[in-house]
Amino acid sequence: MNSGDTPQAEHVDVWAELRRVARHAFPNPERKGCPSEDVLRKLAFDLKSFAMDDPLIDHVATCSPCLNLVWRLREERSA
């Protein structure tokens, strides 16, 4: 950490790096096992309606195309 960096800034950098890696770390070009966009939209906007042990959560965490779509939907909504 640089002398001017705060612990919070370092934390943000870690999350940004994790997000960058995850966008490409789990390719699924054939979209095998991917849920519909409607399901991913619900996940993006209503995460509390899903149990953390729901297989959908595991899928999105290990499928870059689905993860990217969830992030894009959230970004579009907040724009």
PDB file of N, CA and C in Angstrom:
ATOM      1  N   MET A   1       0.842  -1.170   0.000  1.00  0.00           N
ATOM      2  CA  MET A   1       0.000   0.000   0.000  1.00  0.00           C
ATOM      3  C   MET A   1       0.887   1.232   0.000  1.00  0.00           C
ATOM      4  N   ASN A   2       0.594   2.191  -0.860  1.00  0.00           N
ATOM      5  CA  ASN A   2       1.334   3.451  -0.894  1.00  0.00           C
ATOM      6  C   ASN A   2       0.975   4.281   0.320  1.00  0.00           C
ATOM      7  N   SER A   3       1.864   5.195   0.680  1.00  0.00           N
ATOM      8  CA  SER A   3       1.630   6.005   1.868  1.00  0.00           C
ATOM      9  C   SER A   3       0.362   6.838   1.756  1.00  0.00           C
ATOM     10  N   GLY A   4      -0.041   7.218   0.534  1.00  0.00           N
ATOM     11  CA  GLY A   4      -1.254   8.015   0.351  1.00  0.00           C
ATOM     12  C   GLY A   4      -2.520   7.190   0.258  1.00  0.00           C
ATOM     13  N   ASP A   5      -2.385   5.878   0.121  1.00  0.00           N
ATOM     14  CA  ASP A   5      -3.553   5.012  -0.010  1.00  0.00           C
ATOM     15  C   ASP A   5      -4.166   4.735   1.354  1.00  0.00           C
ATOM     16  N   THR A   6      -5.459   4.682   1.379  1.00  0.00           N
ATOM     17  CA  THR A   6      -6.146   4.301   2.600  1.00  0.00           C
ATOM     18  C   THR A   6      -6.448   2.819   2.524  1.00  0.00           C
ATOM     19  N   PRO A   7      -6.672   2.178   3.663  1.00  0.00           N
ATOM     20  CA  PRO A   7      -7.066   0.763   3.615  1.00  0.00           C
ATOM     21  C   PRO A   7      -8.311   0.552   2.764  1.00  0.00           C
ATOM     22  N   GLN A   8      -9.241   1.508   2.806  1.00  0.00           N
ATOM     23  CA  GLN A   8     -10.455   1.386   2.000  1.00  0.00           C
ATOM     24  C   GLN A   8     -10.118   1.427   0.512  1.00  0.00           C
ATOM     25  N   ALA A   9      -9.218   2.289   0.085  1.00  0.00           N
ATOM     26  CA  ALA A   9      -8.820   2.365  -1.322  1.00  0.00           C
ATOM     27  C   ALA A   9      -8.186   1.055  -1.762  1.00  0.00           C
ATOM     28  N   GLU A  10      -7.359   0.476  -0.894  1.00  0.00           N
ATOM     29  CA  GLU A  10      -6.751  -0.811  -1.228  1.00  0.00           C
ATOM     30  C   GLU A  10      -7.823  -1.880  -1.371  1.00  0.00           C
ATOM     31  N   HIS A  11      -8.820  -1.863  -0.500  1.00  0.00           N
ATOM     32  CA  HIS A  11      -9.929  -2.809  -0.554  1.00  0.00           C
ATOM     33  C   HIS A  11     -10.666  -2.695  -1.887  1.00  0.00           C
ATOM     34  N   VAL A  12     -10.922  -1.476  -2.325  1.00  0.00           N
ATOM     35  CA  VAL A  12     -11.605  -1.251  -3.602  1.00  0.00           C
ATOM     36  C   VAL A  12     -10.764  -1.811  -4.743  1.00  0.00           C
ATOM     37  N   ASP A  13      -9.454  -1.598  -4.701  1.00  0.00           N
ATOM     38  CA  ASP A  13      -8.582  -2.110  -5.754  1.00  0.00           C
ATOM     39  C   ASP A  13      -8.637  -3.628  -5.824  1.00  0.00           C
ATOM     40  N   VAL A  14      -8.687  -4.296  -4.687  1.00  0.00           N
ATOM     41  CA  VAL A  14      -8.780  -5.761  -4.659  1.00  0.00           C
ATOM     42  C   VAL A  14     -10.069  -6.206  -5.333  1.00  0.00           C
ATOM     43  N   TRP A  15     -11.189  -5.564  -4.992  1.00  0.00           N
ATOM     44  CA  TRP A  15     -12.463  -5.946  -5.604  1.00  0.00           C
ATOM     45  C   TRP A  15     -12.470  -5.661  -7.099  1.00  0.00           C
ATOM     46  N   ALA A  16     -11.865  -4.576  -7.509  1.00  0.00           N
ATOM     47  CA  ALA A  16     -11.786  -4.269  -8.942  1.00  0.00           C
ATOM     48  C   ALA A  16     -10.977  -5.331  -9.669  1.00  0.00           C
ATOM     49  N   GLU A  17      -9.890  -5.764  -9.075  1.00  0.00           N
ATOM     50  CA  GLU A  17      -9.065  -6.804  -9.699  1.00  0.00           C
ATOM     51  C   GLU A  17      -9.810  -8.134  -9.747  1.00  0.00           C
ATOM     52  N   LEU A  18     -10.482  -8.494  -8.670  1.00  0.00           N
ATOM     53  CA  LEU A  18     -11.266  -9.736  -8.670  1.00  0.00           C
ATOM     54  C   LEU A  18     -12.340  -9.692  -9.754  1.00  0.00           C
ATOM     55  N   ARG A  19     -12.976  -8.568  -9.888  1.00  0.00           N
ATOM     56  CA  ARG A  19     -14.016  -8.431 -10.906  1.00  0.00           C
ATOM     57  C   ARG A  19     -13.410  -8.566 -12.301  1.00  0.00           C
ATOM     58  N   ARG A  20     -12.259  -7.945 -12.528  1.00  0.00           N
ATOM     59  CA  ARG A  20     -11.600  -8.016 -13.837  1.00  0.00           C
ATOM     60  C   ARG A  20     -11.250  -9.459 -14.184  1.00  0.00           C
ATOM     61  N   VAL A  21     -10.708 -10.179 -13.235  1.00  0.00           N
ATOM     62  CA  VAL A  21     -10.319 -11.571 -13.472  1.00  0.00           C
ATOM     63  C   VAL A  21     -11.540 -12.441 -13.716  1.00  0.00           C
ATOM     64  N   ALA A  22     -12.558 -12.271 -12.888  1.00  0.00           N
ATOM     65  CA  ALA A  22     -13.749 -13.114 -13.000  1.00  0.00           C
ATOM     66  C   ALA A  22     -14.459 -12.931 -14.333  1.00  0.00           C
ATOM     67  N   ARG A  23     -14.333 -11.759 -14.928  1.00  0.00           N
ATOM     68  CA  ARG A  23     -15.002 -11.510 -16.215  1.00  0.00           C
ATOM     69  C   ARG A  23     -14.521 -12.457 -17.311  1.00  0.00           C
ATOM     70  N   HIS A  24     -13.316 -13.002 -17.139  1.00  0.00           N
ATOM     71  CA  HIS A  24     -12.753 -13.847 -18.193  1.00  0.00           C
ATOM     72  C   HIS A  24     -12.266 -15.209 -17.689  1.00  0.00           C
ATOM     73  N   ALA A  25     -12.260 -15.410 -16.403  1.00  0.00           N
ATOM     74  CA  ALA A  25     -11.658 -16.615 -15.822  1.00  0.00           C
ATOM     75  C   ALA A  25     -12.487 -17.871 -16.040  1.00  0.00           C
ATOM     76  N   PHE A  26     -13.770 -17.722 -16.288  1.00  0.00           N
ATOM     77  CA  PHE A  26     -14.656 -18.878 -16.392  1.00  0.00           C
ATOM     78  C   PHE A  26     -15.437 -18.847 -17.704  1.00  0.00           C
ATOM     79  N   PRO A  27     -14.746 -19.047 -18.826  1.00  0.00           N
ATOM     80  CA  PRO A  27     -15.451 -18.992 -20.110  1.00  0.00           C
ATOM     81  C   PRO A  27     -16.487 -20.113 -20.231  1.00  0.00           C
ATOM     82  N   ASN A  28     -17.541 -19.814 -20.901  1.00  0.00           N
ATOM     83  CA  ASN A  28     -18.597 -20.786 -21.168  1.00  0.00           C
ATOM     84  C   ASN A  28     -19.221 -20.383 -22.501  1.00  0.00           C
ATOM     85  N   PRO A  29     -18.444 -20.486 -23.601  1.00  0.00           N
ATOM     86  CA  PRO A  29     -18.924 -19.978 -24.889  1.00  0.00           C
ATOM     87  C   PRO A  29     -20.194 -20.641 -25.386  1.00  0.00           C
ATOM     88  N   GLU A  30     -20.430 -21.864 -24.969  1.00  0.00           N
ATOM     89  CA  GLU A  30     -21.646 -22.553 -25.403  1.00  0.00           C
ATOM     90  C   GLU A  30     -22.815 -22.294 -24.462  1.00  0.00           C
ATOM     91  N   ARG A  31     -22.544 -21.554 -23.387  1.00  0.00           N
ATOM     92  CA  ARG A  31     -23.561 -21.183 -22.391  1.00  0.00           C
ATOM     93  C   ARG A  31     -24.265 -22.405 -21.822  1.00  0.00           C
ATOM     94  N   LYS A  32     -23.479 -23.461 -21.562  1.00  0.00           N
ATOM     95  CA  LYS A  32     -24.037 -24.688 -20.979  1.00  0.00           C
ATOM     96  C   LYS A  32     -24.498 -24.447 -19.548  1.00  0.00           C
ATOM     97  N   GLY A  33     -25.737 -24.819 -19.283  1.00  0.00           N
ATOM     98  CA  GLY A  33     -26.293 -24.696 -17.944  1.00  0.00           C
ATOM     99  C   GLY A  33     -26.691 -23.295 -17.541  1.00  0.00           C
ATOM    100  N   CYS A  34     -26.638 -22.360 -18.475  1.00  0.00           N
ATOM    101  CA  CYS A  34     -26.941 -20.972 -18.137  1.00  0.00           C
ATOM    102  C   CYS A  34     -28.453 -20.765 -17.991  1.00  0.00           C
ATOM    103  N   PRO A  35     -28.836 -20.017 -16.965  1.00  0.00           N
ATOM    104  CA  PRO A  35     -30.252 -19.677 -16.805  1.00  0.00           C
ATOM    105  C   PRO A  35     -30.658 -18.609 -17.810  1.00  0.00           C
ATOM    106  N   SER A  36     -31.951 -18.377 -17.893  1.00  0.00           N
ATOM    107  CA  SER A  36     -32.465 -17.348 -18.807  1.00  0.00           C
ATOM    108  C   SER A  36     -32.069 -15.954 -18.325  1.00  0.00           C
ATOM    109  N   GLU A  37     -32.143 -14.996 -19.236  1.00  0.00           N
ATOM    110  CA  GLU A  37     -31.852 -13.613 -18.865  1.00  0.00           C
ATOM    111  C   GLU A  37     -32.824 -13.119 -17.807  1.00  0.00           C
ATOM    112  N   ASP A  38     -34.072 -13.581 -17.848  1.00  0.00           N
ATOM    113  CA  ASP A  38     -35.049 -13.169 -16.837  1.00  0.00           C
ATOM    114  C   ASP A  38     -34.613 -13.604 -15.433  1.00  0.00           C
ATOM    115  N   VAL A  39     -34.095 -14.820 -15.326  1.00  0.00           N
ATOM    116  CA  VAL A  39     -33.618 -15.316 -14.027  1.00  0.00           C
ATOM    117  C   VAL A  39     -32.405 -14.515 -13.574  1.00  0.00           C
ATOM    118  N   LEU A  40     -31.498 -14.240 -14.490  1.00  0.00           N
ATOM    119  CA  LEU A  40     -30.312 -13.462 -14.136  1.00  0.00           C
ATOM    120  C   LEU A  40     -30.696 -12.034 -13.758  1.00  0.00           C
ATOM    121  N   ARG A  41     -31.703 -11.485 -14.402  1.00  0.00           N
ATOM    122  CA  ARG A  41     -32.189 -10.152 -14.059  1.00  0.00           C
ATOM    123  C   ARG A  41     -32.744 -10.153 -12.632  1.00  0.00           C
ATOM    124  N   LYS A  42     -33.501 -11.183 -12.299  1.00  0.00           N
ATOM    125  CA  LYS A  42     -34.033 -11.277 -10.936  1.00  0.00           C
ATOM    126  C   LYS A  42     -32.888 -11.373  -9.933  1.00  0.00           C
ATOM    127  N   LEU A  43     -31.882 -12.167 -10.252  1.00  0.00           N
ATOM    128  CA  LEU A  43     -30.718 -12.287  -9.371  1.00  0.00           C
ATOM    129  C   LEU A  43     -30.019 -10.931  -9.224  1.00  0.00           C
ATOM    130  N   ALA A  44     -29.873 -10.216 -10.315  1.00  0.00           N
ATOM    131  CA  ALA A  44     -29.180  -8.929 -10.287  1.00  0.00           C
ATOM    132  C   ALA A  44     -29.895  -7.909  -9.409  1.00  0.00           C
ATOM    133  N   PHE A  45     -31.219  -7.959  -9.373  1.00  0.00           N
ATOM    134  CA  PHE A  45     -31.976  -6.922  -8.680  1.00  0.00           C
ATOM    135  C   PHE A  45     -32.635  -7.380  -7.391  1.00  0.00           C
ATOM    136  N   ASP A  46     -32.639  -8.690  -7.155  1.00  0.00           N
ATOM    137  CA  ASP A  46     -33.326  -9.201  -5.959  1.00  0.00           C
ATOM    138  C   ASP A  46     -32.560 -10.391  -5.387  1.00  0.00           C
ATOM    139  N   LEU A  47     -31.293 -10.181  -5.110  1.00  0.00           N
ATOM    140  CA  LEU A  47     -30.428 -11.254  -4.611  1.00  0.00           C
ATOM    141  C   LEU A  47     -30.990 -11.890  -3.348  1.00  0.00           C
ATOM    142  N   LYS A  48     -31.657 -11.121  -2.511  1.00  0.00           N
ATOM    143  CA  LYS A  48     -32.187 -11.633  -1.247  1.00  0.00           C
ATOM    144  C   LYS A  48     -33.226 -12.729  -1.443  1.00  0.00           C
ATOM    145  N   SER A  49     -33.806 -12.829  -2.630  1.00  0.00           N
ATOM    146  CA  SER A  49     -34.810 -13.856  -2.874  1.00  0.00           C
ATOM    147  C   SER A  49     -34.181 -15.222  -3.184  1.00  0.00           C
ATOM    148  N   PHE A  50     -32.850 -15.259  -3.252  1.00  0.00           N
ATOM    149  CA  PHE A  50     -32.135 -16.509  -3.523  1.00  0.00           C
ATOM    150  C   PHE A  50     -31.348 -16.923  -2.287  1.00  0.00           C
ATOM    151  N   ALA A  51     -31.396 -18.203  -1.960  1.00  0.00           N
ATOM    152  CA  ALA A  51     -30.567 -18.736  -0.880  1.00  0.00           C
ATOM    153  C   ALA A  51     -29.122 -18.786  -1.364  1.00  0.00           C
ATOM    154  N   MET A  52     -28.194 -18.529  -0.479  1.00  0.00           N
ATOM    155  CA  MET A  52     -26.789 -18.519  -0.884  1.00  0.00           C
ATOM    156  C   MET A  52     -26.308 -19.901  -1.327  1.00  0.00           C
ATOM    157  N   ASP A  53     -27.022 -20.956  -0.967  1.00  0.00           N
ATOM    158  CA  ASP A  53     -26.642 -22.288  -1.433  1.00  0.00           C
ATOM    159  C   ASP A  53     -27.422 -22.705  -2.686  1.00  0.00           C
ATOM    160  N   ASP A  54     -28.144 -21.766  -3.280  1.00  0.00           N
ATOM    161  CA  ASP A  54     -28.875 -22.031  -4.522  1.00  0.00           C
ATOM    162  C   ASP A  54     -27.860 -22.348  -5.623  1.00  0.00           C
ATOM    163  N   PRO A  55     -28.080 -23.405  -6.388  1.00  0.00           N
ATOM    164  CA  PRO A  55     -27.160 -23.732  -7.487  1.00  0.00           C
ATOM    165  C   PRO A  55     -26.968 -22.587  -8.483  1.00  0.00           C
ATOM    166  N   LEU A  56     -27.939 -21.706  -8.600  1.00  0.00           N
ATOM    167  CA  LEU A  56     -27.809 -20.551  -9.491  1.00  0.00           C
ATOM    168  C   LEU A  56     -26.636 -19.661  -9.058  1.00  0.00           C
ATOM    169  N   ILE A  57     -26.487 -19.478  -7.761  1.00  0.00           N
ATOM    170  CA  ILE A  57     -25.383 -18.651  -7.253  1.00  0.00           C
ATOM    171  C   ILE A  57     -24.051 -19.285  -7.635  1.00  0.00           C
ATOM    172  N   ASP A  58     -23.938 -20.590  -7.453  1.00  0.00           N
ATOM    173  CA  ASP A  58     -22.706 -21.289  -7.838  1.00  0.00           C
ATOM    174  C   ASP A  58     -22.448 -21.157  -9.331  1.00  0.00           C
ATOM    175  N   HIS A  59     -23.497 -21.294 -10.122  1.00  0.00           N
ATOM    176  CA  HIS A  59     -23.326 -21.192 -11.571  1.00  0.00           C
ATOM    177  C   HIS A  59     -22.795 -19.812 -11.953  1.00  0.00           C
ATOM    178  N   VAL A  60     -23.437 -18.770 -11.461  1.00  0.00           N
ATOM    179  CA  VAL A  60     -23.030 -17.408 -11.828  1.00  0.00           C
ATOM    180  C   VAL A  60     -21.609 -17.123 -11.359  1.00  0.00           C
ATOM    181  N   ALA A  61     -21.239 -17.667 -10.223  1.00  0.00           N
ATOM    182  CA  ALA A  61     -19.892 -17.439  -9.692  1.00  0.00           C
ATOM    183  C   ALA A  61     -18.816 -18.132 -10.513  1.00  0.00           C
ATOM    184  N   THR A  62     -19.214 -19.094 -11.345  1.00  0.00           N
ATOM    185  CA  THR A  62     -18.232 -19.844 -12.137  1.00  0.00           C
ATOM    186  C   THR A  62     -18.543 -19.802 -13.631  1.00  0.00           C
ATOM    187  N   CYS A  63     -19.290 -18.795 -14.048  1.00  0.00           N
ATOM    188  CA  CYS A  63     -19.637 -18.642 -15.463  1.00  0.00           C
ATOM    189  C   CYS A  63     -19.480 -17.166 -15.823  1.00  0.00           C
ATOM    190  N   SER A  64     -18.380 -16.840 -16.475  1.00  0.00           N
ATOM    191  CA  SER A  64     -18.121 -15.436 -16.812  1.00  0.00           C
ATOM    192  C   SER A  64     -19.241 -14.793 -17.625  1.00  0.00           C
ATOM    193  N   PRO A  65     -19.826 -15.459 -18.620  1.00  0.00           N
ATOM    194  CA  PRO A  65     -20.903 -14.799 -19.365  1.00  0.00           C
ATOM    195  C   PRO A  65     -22.087 -14.411 -18.475  1.00  0.00           C
ATOM    196  N   CYS A  66     -22.470 -15.283 -17.555  1.00  0.00           N
ATOM    197  CA  CYS A  66     -23.594 -14.971 -16.660  1.00  0.00           C
ATOM    198  C   CYS A  66     -23.208 -13.869 -15.680  1.00  0.00           C
ATOM    199  N   LEU A  67     -22.027 -13.965 -15.131  1.00  0.00           N
ATOM    200  CA  LEU A  67     -21.554 -12.947 -14.199  1.00  0.00           C
ATOM    201  C   LEU A  67     -21.482 -11.580 -14.885  1.00  0.00           C
ATOM    202  N   ASN A  68     -20.974 -11.556 -16.095  1.00  0.00           N
ATOM    203  CA  ASN A  68     -20.894 -10.298 -16.845  1.00  0.00           C
ATOM    204  C   ASN A  68     -22.283  -9.718 -17.092  1.00  0.00           C
ATOM    205  N   LEU A  69     -23.239 -10.575 -17.421  1.00  0.00           N
ATOM    206  CA  LEU A  69     -24.592 -10.092 -17.674  1.00  0.00           C
ATOM    207  C   LEU A  69     -25.202  -9.518 -16.394  1.00  0.00           C
ATOM    208  N   VAL A  70     -25.024 -10.202 -15.282  1.00  0.00           N
ATOM    209  CA  VAL A  70     -25.554  -9.693 -14.015  1.00  0.00           C
ATOM    210  C   VAL A  70     -24.947  -8.334 -13.704  1.00  0.00           C
ATOM    211  N   TRP A  71     -23.641  -8.187 -13.852  1.00  0.00           N
ATOM    212  CA  TRP A  71     -22.992  -6.901 -13.598  1.00  0.00           C
ATOM    213  C   TRP A  71     -23.500  -5.825 -14.559  1.00  0.00           C
ATOM    214  N   ARG A  72     -23.636  -6.189 -15.840  1.00  0.00           N
ATOM    215  CA  ARG A  72     -24.105  -5.211 -16.820  1.00  0.00           C
ATOM    216  C   ARG A  72     -25.523  -4.739 -16.488  1.00  0.00           C
ATOM    217  N   LEU A  73     -26.386  -5.672 -16.125  1.00  0.00           N
ATOM    218  CA  LEU A  73     -27.755  -5.309 -15.766  1.00  0.00           C
ATOM    219  C   LEU A  73     -27.779  -4.357 -14.575  1.00  0.00           C
ATOM    220  N   ARG A  74     -26.952  -4.655 -13.575  1.00  0.00           N
ATOM    221  CA  ARG A  74     -26.898  -3.782 -12.396  1.00  0.00           C
ATOM    222  C   ARG A  74     -26.359  -2.398 -12.752  1.00  0.00           C
ATOM    223  N   GLU A  75     -25.338  -2.364 -13.605  1.00  0.00           N
ATOM    224  CA  GLU A  75     -24.760  -1.082 -14.013  1.00  0.00           C
ATOM    225  C   GLU A  75     -25.759  -0.261 -14.816  1.00  0.00           C
ATOM    226  N   GLU A  76     -26.493  -0.924 -15.710  1.00  0.00           N
ATOM    227  CA  GLU A  76     -27.488  -0.216 -16.530  1.00  0.00           C
ATOM    228  C   GLU A  76     -28.582   0.365 -15.646  1.00  0.00           C
ATOM    229  N   ARG A  77     -28.965  -0.394 -14.645  1.00  0.00           N
ATOM    230  CA  ARG A  77     -30.042   0.072 -13.767  1.00  0.00           C
ATOM    231  C   ARG A  77     -29.601   1.271 -12.934  1.00  0.00           C
ATOM    232  N   SER A  78     -28.351   1.271 -12.508  1.00  0.00           N
ATOM    233  CA  SER A  78     -27.882   2.373 -11.671  1.00  0.00           C
ATOM    234  C   SER A  78     -27.479   3.606 -12.478  1.00  0.00           C
ATOM    235  N   ALA A  79     -27.416   3.460 -13.800  1.00  0.00           N
ATOM    236  CA  ALA A  79     -27.024   4.604 -14.650  1.00  0.00           C
ATOM    237  C   ALA A  79     -28.165   5.573 -14.855  1.00  0.00           C
TER     238      ALA A  79
END
